[in-house]
Every structure is written in C-alpha cells, then in structure tokens.
Amino acid sequence: MDGEKTTALVTGANKGIGYEIAAGLGALGWRIGVGARDDARRDEAVAKLQADGVDAFGVPLDVSDDASVAAAAAQLDRLDVLVNNAGITGGAPQDPTTIDLDILRTVLETNVFGVIRTTNAMLPLLRRSASPRVVVMSSTVGSLTRQQAGQAGPIAVGYSPSKTYLNAVTLQYVRELEGTNIKINLACPGYVATDLNGHQGHRTPAQGAAVAVQLATIPDDGPTGGFFDDAGPIPW
C-alpha cells in the first residue's frame, strides 16, 4: 500500500451513497478502501472505481461481526479517514406496539454497534494520522426535534431511534476524544434513492454523498461534534 497517500475507508461502499463517497474521495487522489461484506459486489465496485482512475482496493468487512472488523483493521497499514456509512432499515412495518424485537436487535447491531465496533478497531490507525477524520452517516429521522415536529418520516421504531442512538454515541466519542486531533461529525445525506428505501428518494446517491465528502475533508480548524446536511447544522 502506498504510505504517502491519504487513505480512507468507507463502510458499505459497494453501492449507493457509500460508493459515491468512495468515488468523491477517490477523485481527490486519495487511496480508498471499499468496505463491504458481499465479495462479488465489492470486487465489482473496486473494478469500477479503478476504471475511473480511483486508487481503490477492497476490504472484506461486515460491521456486525467482530472477527471481520478486526481482520479489516489488520489489513490496513494507514488510515486517515473513516466513513461509517453501512446501515440497514430492518424493513417495514416498524410500529412500536407490534415490532419483532429480533428486527430491532438486528438494526441496532449494524447501525449502532457496528459503528462502535468499526470505529474502535480503526482508532489506533487514525491516531497515527496527521489529520484524522471520522464521518458517521446518520439521518434527520434521528433528530428528536424533528420527530416531535412530525418531520422525521414514517413511524420506524427500529430505524429512526437507531439514528438517535447513533447521534448520542457519536457525541460520547467527541467528549472522549476532546484534546486530540481527531474530528468526528455526523452527516445526513437526505432522502436519496437507494436500495434502502426501494429507490423512492428524490436525491441521487452522488448528491447524498456530498456532505460526507465535505466533512471528510474539513481543515484542522473545522468543526467536530456537529450534525450536518447540505443546508448546514441539523437540530438535535
């Protein structure tokens, strides 16, 4: 691996928003780790990125599996930016009075525990970087302010609270990492047409990726502990 290039790892990068984040960062001349659990889709994504001139490589990675995450970290010898993008909805319906708790556990395992598991595994590498950045892909549906105002989409007792939990977890990282050069921020891509929502969104994956690319490239005097979309800060 080229030790001179800024290196980023994007989880869930084989398609959709994650792929476009990888493409956007790769266009900067960075080396991009394409994290994904599906071997065929990961290889296809890497080949496509490389065909477009991106210095990309595959990272087998299932964020819900301890051994997979540990192996991914061991594969890397440098990491400057981690984008925690992998996530699931858990399917529908998700009414709180009838939810299958196994669905809830599965959503939390990926959307929350997966971020903690991956971030912790990658922190030793990030600490060696001159300007480490962590971007956590969240959603406005996790905003309690917007939920109370009825502006946070349909009832989804698994998915929406998983993003609220993820936001709170990220702030705990910000508190612990205070005084270090690691900047960690939350990003909302907006309502993007992806497999996650049956391609019902009105934004493209490239549009959704833009805020993550921006936060991955913030300067040393940039924000940490923020929650942003294209329009700016999101109310908690």
C-alpha atoms as a PDB file:
ATOM      1  CA  MET A   1       0.000   0.000   0.000  1.00  0.00           C
ATOM      2  CA  ASP A   2       1.213   3.499  -0.857  1.00  0.00           C
ATOM      3  CA  GLY A   3       2.119   5.006   2.504  1.00  0.00           C
ATOM      4  CA  GLU A   4       2.213   8.588   1.161  1.00  0.00           C
ATOM      5  CA  LYS A   5      -1.380   8.908   0.059  1.00  0.00           C
ATOM      6  CA  THR A   6      -4.232   9.998   2.280  1.00  0.00           C
ATOM      7  CA  THR A   7      -6.173   6.797   2.906  1.00  0.00           C
ATOM      8  CA  ALA A   8      -9.872   6.482   3.616  1.00  0.00           C
ATOM      9  CA  LEU A   9     -12.068   3.517   4.477  1.00  0.00           C
ATOM     10  CA  VAL A  10     -15.742   3.714   3.576  1.00  0.00           C
ATOM     11  CA  THR A  11     -18.022   1.039   5.005  1.00  0.00           C
ATOM     12  CA  GLY A  12     -20.925  -0.183   2.910  1.00  0.00           C
ATOM     13  CA  ALA A  13     -19.155   1.222  -0.146  1.00  0.00           C
ATOM     14  CA  ASN A  14     -20.108  -1.323  -2.778  1.00  0.00           C
ATOM     15  CA  LYS A  15     -23.178   0.649  -3.929  1.00  0.00           C
ATOM     16  CA  GLY A  16     -25.376   3.676  -3.388  1.00  0.00           C
ATOM     17  CA  ILE A  17     -24.220   6.525  -1.178  1.00  0.00           C
ATOM     18  CA  GLY A  18     -21.189   4.617   0.083  1.00  0.00           C
ATOM     19  CA  TYR A  19     -19.945   4.026  -3.440  1.00  0.00           C
ATOM     20  CA  GLU A  20     -20.361   7.699  -4.298  1.00  0.00           C
ATOM     21  CA  ILE A  21     -18.490   8.728  -1.142  1.00  0.00           C
ATOM     22  CA  ALA A  22     -15.652   6.442  -2.218  1.00  0.00           C
ATOM     23  CA  ALA A  23     -15.753   7.947  -5.710  1.00  0.00           C
ATOM     24  CA  GLY A  24     -15.808  11.504  -4.368  1.00  0.00           C
ATOM     25  CA  LEU A  25     -12.848  10.977  -2.062  1.00  0.00           C
ATOM     26  CA  GLY A  26     -11.013   8.990  -4.692  1.00  0.00           C
ATOM     27  CA  ALA A  27     -11.347  11.897  -7.118  1.00  0.00           C
ATOM     28  CA  LEU A  28      -9.166  13.874  -4.694  1.00  0.00           C
ATOM     29  CA  GLY A  29      -6.311  11.480  -5.380  1.00  0.00           C
ATOM     30  CA  TRP A  30      -6.811   9.542  -2.155  1.00  0.00           C
ATOM     31  CA  ARG A  31      -6.409   5.800  -1.725  1.00  0.00           C
ATOM     32  CA  ILE A  32      -9.833   4.331  -0.940  1.00  0.00           C
ATOM     33  CA  GLY A  33     -10.685   1.180   0.956  1.00  0.00           C
ATOM     34  CA  VAL A  34     -14.018  -0.145  -0.274  1.00  0.00           C
ATOM     35  CA  GLY A  35     -15.514  -1.853   2.756  1.00  0.00           C
ATOM     36  CA  ALA A  36     -18.309  -4.333   2.032  1.00  0.00           C
ATOM     37  CA  ARG A  37     -19.377  -7.804   3.100  1.00  0.00           C
ATOM     38  CA  ASP A  38     -20.531  -9.022  -0.333  1.00  0.00           C
ATOM     39  CA  ASP A  39     -17.438 -10.256  -2.140  1.00  0.00           C
ATOM     40  CA  ALA A  40     -18.817 -10.017  -5.669  1.00  0.00           C
ATOM     41  CA  ARG A  41     -20.319  -6.552  -5.233  1.00  0.00           C
ATOM     42  CA  ARG A  42     -17.167  -5.299  -3.515  1.00  0.00           C
ATOM     43  CA  ASP A  43     -14.951  -6.566  -6.326  1.00  0.00           C
ATOM     44  CA  GLU A  44     -17.283  -5.010  -8.900  1.00  0.00           C
ATOM     45  CA  ALA A  45     -17.221  -1.656  -7.112  1.00  0.00           C
ATOM     46  CA  VAL A  46     -13.430  -1.670  -6.845  1.00  0.00           C
ATOM     47  CA  ALA A  47     -13.087  -2.501 -10.538  1.00  0.00           C
ATOM     48  CA  LYS A  48     -15.474   0.292 -11.494  1.00  0.00           C
ATOM     49  CA  LEU A  49     -13.657   2.835  -9.321  1.00  0.00           C
ATOM     50  CA  GLN A  50     -10.300   1.768 -10.701  1.00  0.00           C
ATOM     51  CA  ALA A  51     -11.628   2.109 -14.249  1.00  0.00           C
ATOM     52  CA  ASP A  52     -12.483   5.708 -13.376  1.00  0.00           C
ATOM     53  CA  GLY A  53      -8.949   6.322 -12.169  1.00  0.00           C
ATOM     54  CA  VAL A  54      -9.500   5.894  -8.435  1.00  0.00           C
ATOM     55  CA  ASP A  55      -6.788   4.208  -6.382  1.00  0.00           C
ATOM     56  CA  ALA A  56      -9.233   1.760  -4.783  1.00  0.00           C
ATOM     57  CA  PHE A  57      -8.821  -1.554  -3.000  1.00  0.00           C
ATOM     58  CA  GLY A  58     -11.270  -3.979  -1.446  1.00  0.00           C
ATOM     59  CA  VAL A  59     -11.706  -4.510   2.286  1.00  0.00           C
ATOM     60  CA  PRO A  60     -13.856  -7.502   3.283  1.00  0.00           C
ATOM     61  CA  LEU A  61     -15.947  -6.033   6.073  1.00  0.00           C
ATOM     62  CA  ASP A  62     -19.116  -7.000   7.920  1.00  0.00           C
ATOM     63  CA  VAL A  63     -19.577  -4.338  10.588  1.00  0.00           C
ATOM     64  CA  SER A  64     -21.795  -6.657  12.628  1.00  0.00           C
ATOM     65  CA  ASP A  65     -19.023  -9.250  13.043  1.00  0.00           C
ATOM     66  CA  ASP A  66     -16.122  -8.806  15.477  1.00  0.00           C
ATOM     67  CA  ALA A  67     -13.711 -11.036  13.566  1.00  0.00           C
ATOM     68  CA  SER A  68     -14.471  -9.375  10.233  1.00  0.00           C
ATOM     69  CA  VAL A  69     -13.866  -5.900  11.617  1.00  0.00           C
ATOM     70  CA  ALA A  70     -10.631  -6.977  13.315  1.00  0.00           C
ATOM     71  CA  ALA A  71      -9.404  -8.548  10.075  1.00  0.00           C
ATOM     72  CA  ALA A  72     -10.234  -5.361   8.173  1.00  0.00           C
ATOM     73  CA  ALA A  73      -8.203  -3.272  10.603  1.00  0.00           C
ATOM     74  CA  ALA A  74      -5.292  -5.700  10.328  1.00  0.00           C
ATOM     75  CA  GLN A  75      -5.352  -5.338   6.530  1.00  0.00           C
ATOM     76  CA  LEU A  76      -4.626  -1.611   6.741  1.00  0.00           C
ATOM     77  CA  ASP A  77      -1.260  -0.040   7.496  1.00  0.00           C
ATOM     78  CA  ARG A  78      -2.535   3.534   7.265  1.00  0.00           C
ATOM     79  CA  LEU A  79      -5.877   5.247   7.804  1.00  0.00           C
ATOM     80  CA  ASP A  80      -6.629   8.963   7.772  1.00  0.00           C
ATOM     81  CA  VAL A  81     -10.392   8.999   7.291  1.00  0.00           C
ATOM     82  CA  LEU A  82     -13.112   6.578   8.351  1.00  0.00           C
ATOM     83  CA  VAL A  83     -16.607   6.966   6.922  1.00  0.00           C
ATOM     84  CA  ASN A  84     -19.121   4.857   8.846  1.00  0.00           C
ATOM     85  CA  ASN A  85     -21.713   4.511   6.110  1.00  0.00           C
ATOM     86  CA  ALA A  86     -23.012   0.933   6.390  1.00  0.00           C
ATOM     87  CA  GLY A  87     -26.589   0.780   7.633  1.00  0.00           C
ATOM     88  CA  ILE A  88     -29.917  -1.018   7.286  1.00  0.00           C
ATOM     89  CA  THR A  89     -33.579  -0.130   7.824  1.00  0.00           C
ATOM     90  CA  GLY A  90     -34.726  -3.504   9.103  1.00  0.00           C
ATOM     91  CA  GLY A  91     -37.712  -3.465   6.798  1.00  0.00           C
ATOM     92  CA  ALA A  92     -41.300  -2.403   7.450  1.00  0.00           C
ATOM     93  CA  PRO A  93     -43.652  -2.110   9.236  1.00  0.00           C
ATOM     94  CA  GLN A  94     -41.958  -0.952  12.443  1.00  0.00           C
ATOM     95  CA  ASP A  95     -44.816   0.092  14.705  1.00  0.00           C
ATOM     96  CA  PRO A  96     -43.667   0.079  18.338  1.00  0.00           C
ATOM     97  CA  THR A  97     -46.685  -1.934  19.515  1.00  0.00           C
ATOM     98  CA  THR A  98     -46.028  -4.822  17.142  1.00  0.00           C
ATOM     99  CA  ILE A  99     -42.301  -4.739  16.405  1.00  0.00           C
ATOM    100  CA  ASP A 100     -40.428  -8.013  16.365  1.00  0.00           C
ATOM    101  CA  LEU A 101     -37.605  -7.461  18.839  1.00  0.00           C
ATOM    102  CA  ASP A 102     -35.271  -9.529  16.696  1.00  0.00           C
ATOM    103  CA  ILE A 103     -35.658  -6.901  13.961  1.00  0.00           C
ATOM    104  CA  LEU A 104     -34.825  -4.190  16.463  1.00  0.00           C
ATOM    105  CA  ARG A 105     -31.734  -6.075  17.624  1.00  0.00           C
ATOM    106  CA  THR A 106     -30.569  -6.570  14.021  1.00  0.00           C
ATOM    107  CA  VAL A 107     -30.942  -2.872  13.209  1.00  0.00           C
ATOM    108  CA  LEU A 108     -29.042  -1.817  16.312  1.00  0.00           C
ATOM    109  CA  GLU A 109     -26.306  -4.387  15.650  1.00  0.00           C
ATOM    110  CA  THR A 110     -25.496  -2.780  12.316  1.00  0.00           C
ATOM    111  CA  ASN A 111     -26.465   0.869  12.730  1.00  0.00           C
ATOM    112  CA  VAL A 112     -25.107   1.446  16.232  1.00  0.00           C
ATOM    113  CA  PHE A 113     -22.940  -1.398  17.461  1.00  0.00           C
ATOM    114  CA  GLY A 114     -21.369  -1.716  14.012  1.00  0.00           C
ATOM    115  CA  VAL A 115     -20.233   1.895  14.127  1.00  0.00           C
ATOM    116  CA  ILE A 116     -18.780   1.465  17.613  1.00  0.00           C
ATOM    117  CA  ARG A 117     -17.088  -1.794  16.663  1.00  0.00           C
ATOM    118  CA  THR A 118     -15.552  -0.376  13.492  1.00  0.00           C
ATOM    119  CA  THR A 119     -14.524   2.966  14.957  1.00  0.00           C
ATOM    120  CA  ASN A 120     -12.794   1.337  17.922  1.00  0.00           C
ATOM    121  CA  ALA A 121     -10.938  -1.098  15.672  1.00  0.00           C
ATOM    122  CA  MET A 122      -9.713   1.722  13.430  1.00  0.00           C
ATOM    123  CA  LEU A 123      -8.811   4.263  16.123  1.00  0.00           C
ATOM    124  CA  PRO A 124      -5.212   3.037  16.600  1.00  0.00           C
ATOM    125  CA  LEU A 125      -4.589   3.713  12.908  1.00  0.00           C
ATOM    126  CA  LEU A 126      -6.416   7.046  12.966  1.00  0.00           C
ATOM    127  CA  ARG A 127      -4.380   8.224  15.956  1.00  0.00           C
ATOM    128  CA  ARG A 128      -1.231   7.931  13.811  1.00  0.00           C
ATOM    129  CA  SER A 129      -2.650  10.258  11.157  1.00  0.00           C
ATOM    130  CA  ALA A 130      -1.758  13.944  10.987  1.00  0.00           C
ATOM    131  CA  SER A 131      -5.371  14.967  10.347  1.00  0.00           C
ATOM    132  CA  PRO A 132      -7.715  12.097  11.211  1.00  0.00           C
ATOM    133  CA  ARG A 133     -11.400  12.425  10.417  1.00  0.00           C
ATOM    134  CA  VAL A 134     -14.402  10.244  11.228  1.00  0.00           C
ATOM    135  CA  VAL A 135     -17.703  10.765   9.424  1.00  0.00           C
ATOM    136  CA  VAL A 136     -20.795   8.997  10.718  1.00  0.00           C
ATOM    137  CA  MET A 137     -23.719   8.727   8.324  1.00  0.00           C
ATOM    138  CA  SER A 138     -26.883   9.482  10.244  1.00  0.00           C
ATOM    139  CA  SER A 139     -30.276  10.899   9.254  1.00  0.00           C
ATOM    140  CA  THR A 140     -32.650  13.682  10.144  1.00  0.00           C
ATOM    141  CA  VAL A 141     -35.079  10.952  11.252  1.00  0.00           C
ATOM    142  CA  GLY A 142     -32.816  10.634  14.288  1.00  0.00           C
ATOM    143  CA  SER A 143     -33.439  14.264  15.275  1.00  0.00           C
ATOM    144  CA  LEU A 144     -35.695  14.377  18.332  1.00  0.00           C
ATOM    145  CA  THR A 145     -36.600  17.957  17.462  1.00  0.00           C
ATOM    146  CA  ARG A 146     -37.845  16.924  14.044  1.00  0.00           C
ATOM    147  CA  GLN A 147     -39.572  13.830  15.385  1.00  0.00           C
ATOM    148  CA  GLN A 148     -41.557  15.978  17.816  1.00  0.00           C
ATOM    149  CA  ALA A 149     -42.474  18.313  14.958  1.00  0.00           C
ATOM    150  CA  GLY A 150     -43.657  15.413  12.795  1.00  0.00           C
ATOM    151  CA  GLN A 151     -40.862  15.991  10.276  1.00  0.00           C
ATOM    152  CA  ALA A 152     -38.990  12.707  10.607  1.00  0.00           C
ATOM    153  CA  GLY A 153     -40.683  10.355   8.179  1.00  0.00           C
ATOM    154  CA  PRO A 154     -42.895   7.354   8.948  1.00  0.00           C
ATOM    155  CA  ILE A 155     -43.040   5.512  12.255  1.00  0.00           C
ATOM    156  CA  ALA A 156     -39.991   3.234  12.397  1.00  0.00           C
ATOM    157  CA  VAL A 157     -39.191   2.156  15.961  1.00  0.00           C
ATOM    158  CA  GLY A 158     -36.097   0.313  14.793  1.00  0.00           C
ATOM    159  CA  TYR A 159     -34.532   2.581  12.205  1.00  0.00           C
ATOM    160  CA  SER A 160     -35.318   6.095  13.457  1.00  0.00           C
ATOM    161  CA  PRO A 161     -34.272   5.542  17.104  1.00  0.00           C
ATOM    162  CA  SER A 162     -31.149   3.726  15.890  1.00  0.00           C
ATOM    163  CA  LYS A 163     -30.067   7.021  14.343  1.00  0.00           C
ATOM    164  CA  THR A 164     -30.956   8.930  17.520  1.00  0.00           C
ATOM    165  CA  TYR A 165     -28.861   6.449  19.482  1.00  0.00           C
ATOM    166  CA  LEU A 166     -26.068   6.772  16.923  1.00  0.00           C
ATOM    167  CA  ASN A 167     -26.090  10.561  17.275  1.00  0.00           C
ATOM    168  CA  ALA A 168     -25.777  10.272  21.058  1.00  0.00           C
ATOM    169  CA  VAL A 169     -22.995   7.699  20.769  1.00  0.00           C
ATOM    170  CA  THR A 170     -21.066   9.987  18.426  1.00  0.00           C
ATOM    171  CA  LEU A 171     -21.231  12.814  20.950  1.00  0.00           C
ATOM    172  CA  GLN A 172     -19.737  10.483  23.553  1.00  0.00           C
ATOM    173  CA  TYR A 173     -16.797   9.883  21.204  1.00  0.00           C
ATOM    174  CA  VAL A 174     -16.427  13.638  20.768  1.00  0.00           C
ATOM    175  CA  ARG A 175     -16.231  14.061  24.541  1.00  0.00           C
ATOM    176  CA  GLU A 176     -13.657  11.290  24.977  1.00  0.00           C
ATOM    177  CA  LEU A 177     -11.542  12.477  22.039  1.00  0.00           C
ATOM    178  CA  GLU A 178     -11.524  16.116  23.134  1.00  0.00           C
ATOM    179  CA  GLY A 179      -7.988  17.455  23.040  1.00  0.00           C
ATOM    180  CA  THR A 180      -6.926  15.114  20.226  1.00  0.00           C
ATOM    181  CA  ASN A 181      -6.696  15.971  16.542  1.00  0.00           C
ATOM    182  CA  ILE A 182      -9.485  13.523  15.646  1.00  0.00           C
ATOM    183  CA  LYS A 183     -12.551  15.290  14.313  1.00  0.00           C
ATOM    184  CA  ILE A 184     -15.815  13.346  14.210  1.00  0.00           C
ATOM    185  CA  ASN A 185     -19.046  14.600  12.693  1.00  0.00           C
ATOM    186  CA  LEU A 186     -22.476  13.294  11.731  1.00  0.00           C
ATOM    187  CA  ALA A 187     -23.849  13.630   8.210  1.00  0.00           C
ATOM    188  CA  CYS A 188     -27.344  13.291   6.773  1.00  0.00           C
ATOM    189  CA  PRO A 189     -27.452  12.565   3.025  1.00  0.00           C
ATOM    190  CA  GLY A 190     -31.114  13.486   2.650  1.00  0.00           C
ATOM    191  CA  TYR A 191     -33.801  11.360   1.024  1.00  0.00           C
ATOM    192  CA  VAL A 192     -31.673   9.522  -1.513  1.00  0.00           C
ATOM    193  CA  ALA A 193     -32.944   6.929  -3.975  1.00  0.00           C
ATOM    194  CA  THR A 194     -31.152   3.736  -2.883  1.00  0.00           C
ATOM    195  CA  ASP A 195     -31.888   0.092  -2.132  1.00  0.00           C
ATOM    196  CA  LEU A 196     -32.520   1.194   1.455  1.00  0.00           C
ATOM    197  CA  ASN A 197     -35.836   2.820   0.526  1.00  0.00           C
ATOM    198  CA  GLY A 198     -36.715   0.971  -2.647  1.00  0.00           C
ATOM    199  CA  HIS A 199     -35.287   3.856  -4.715  1.00  0.00           C
ATOM    200  CA  GLN A 200     -38.104   6.160  -3.626  1.00  0.00           C
ATOM    201  CA  GLY A 201     -35.877   9.091  -2.694  1.00  0.00           C
ATOM    202  CA  HIS A 202     -35.701  12.298  -4.718  1.00  0.00           C
ATOM    203  CA  ARG A 203     -31.923  12.787  -4.420  1.00  0.00           C
ATOM    204  CA  THR A 204     -29.168  10.935  -6.240  1.00  0.00           C
ATOM    205  CA  PRO A 205     -26.508   8.947  -4.381  1.00  0.00           C
ATOM    206  CA  ALA A 206     -23.909  11.465  -5.577  1.00  0.00           C
ATOM    207  CA  GLN A 207     -25.926  14.307  -4.054  1.00  0.00           C
ATOM    208  CA  GLY A 208     -26.248  12.361  -0.811  1.00  0.00           C
ATOM    209  CA  ALA A 209     -22.519  11.690  -0.701  1.00  0.00           C
ATOM    210  CA  ALA A 210     -21.515  15.347  -0.969  1.00  0.00           C
ATOM    211  CA  VAL A 211     -21.926  16.218   2.709  1.00  0.00           C
ATOM    212  CA  ALA A 212     -19.825  13.212   3.757  1.00  0.00           C
ATOM    213  CA  VAL A 213     -17.033  14.185   1.362  1.00  0.00           C
ATOM    214  CA  GLN A 214     -17.140  17.710   2.752  1.00  0.00           C
ATOM    215  CA  LEU A 215     -16.861  16.524   6.357  1.00  0.00           C
ATOM    216  CA  ALA A 216     -14.098  14.067   5.477  1.00  0.00           C
ATOM    217  CA  THR A 217     -12.025  16.931   4.121  1.00  0.00           C
ATOM    218  CA  ILE A 218     -12.581  19.628   6.744  1.00  0.00           C
ATOM    219  CA  PRO A 219      -9.471  21.605   7.719  1.00  0.00           C
ATOM    220  CA  ASP A 220      -7.759  21.335  11.087  1.00  0.00           C
ATOM    221  CA  ASP A 221      -9.751  24.303  12.391  1.00  0.00           C
ATOM    222  CA  GLY A 222     -13.047  22.789  11.205  1.00  0.00           C
ATOM    223  CA  PRO A 223     -15.910  21.587  13.393  1.00  0.00           C
ATOM    224  CA  THR A 224     -16.174  18.452  15.464  1.00  0.00           C
ATOM    225  CA  GLY A 225     -19.267  17.057  17.122  1.00  0.00           C
ATOM    226  CA  GLY A 226     -21.611  18.549  14.539  1.00  0.00           C
ATOM    227  CA  PHE A 227     -24.680  17.149  12.768  1.00  0.00           C
ATOM    228  CA  PHE A 228     -24.981  18.402   9.187  1.00  0.00           C
ATOM    229  CA  ASP A 229     -26.795  18.107   5.913  1.00  0.00           C
ATOM    230  CA  ASP A 230     -26.368  20.151   2.749  1.00  0.00           C
ATOM    231  CA  ALA A 231     -28.181  23.095   4.302  1.00  0.00           C
ATOM    232  CA  GLY A 232     -25.943  23.202   7.382  1.00  0.00           C
ATOM    233  CA  PRO A 233     -26.398  22.148  11.014  1.00  0.00           C
ATOM    234  CA  ILE A 234     -29.349  19.886  11.868  1.00  0.00           C
ATOM    235  CA  PRO A 235     -31.279  20.406  15.136  1.00  0.00           C
ATOM    236  CA  TRP A 236     -30.762  17.604  17.587  1.00  0.00           C
END
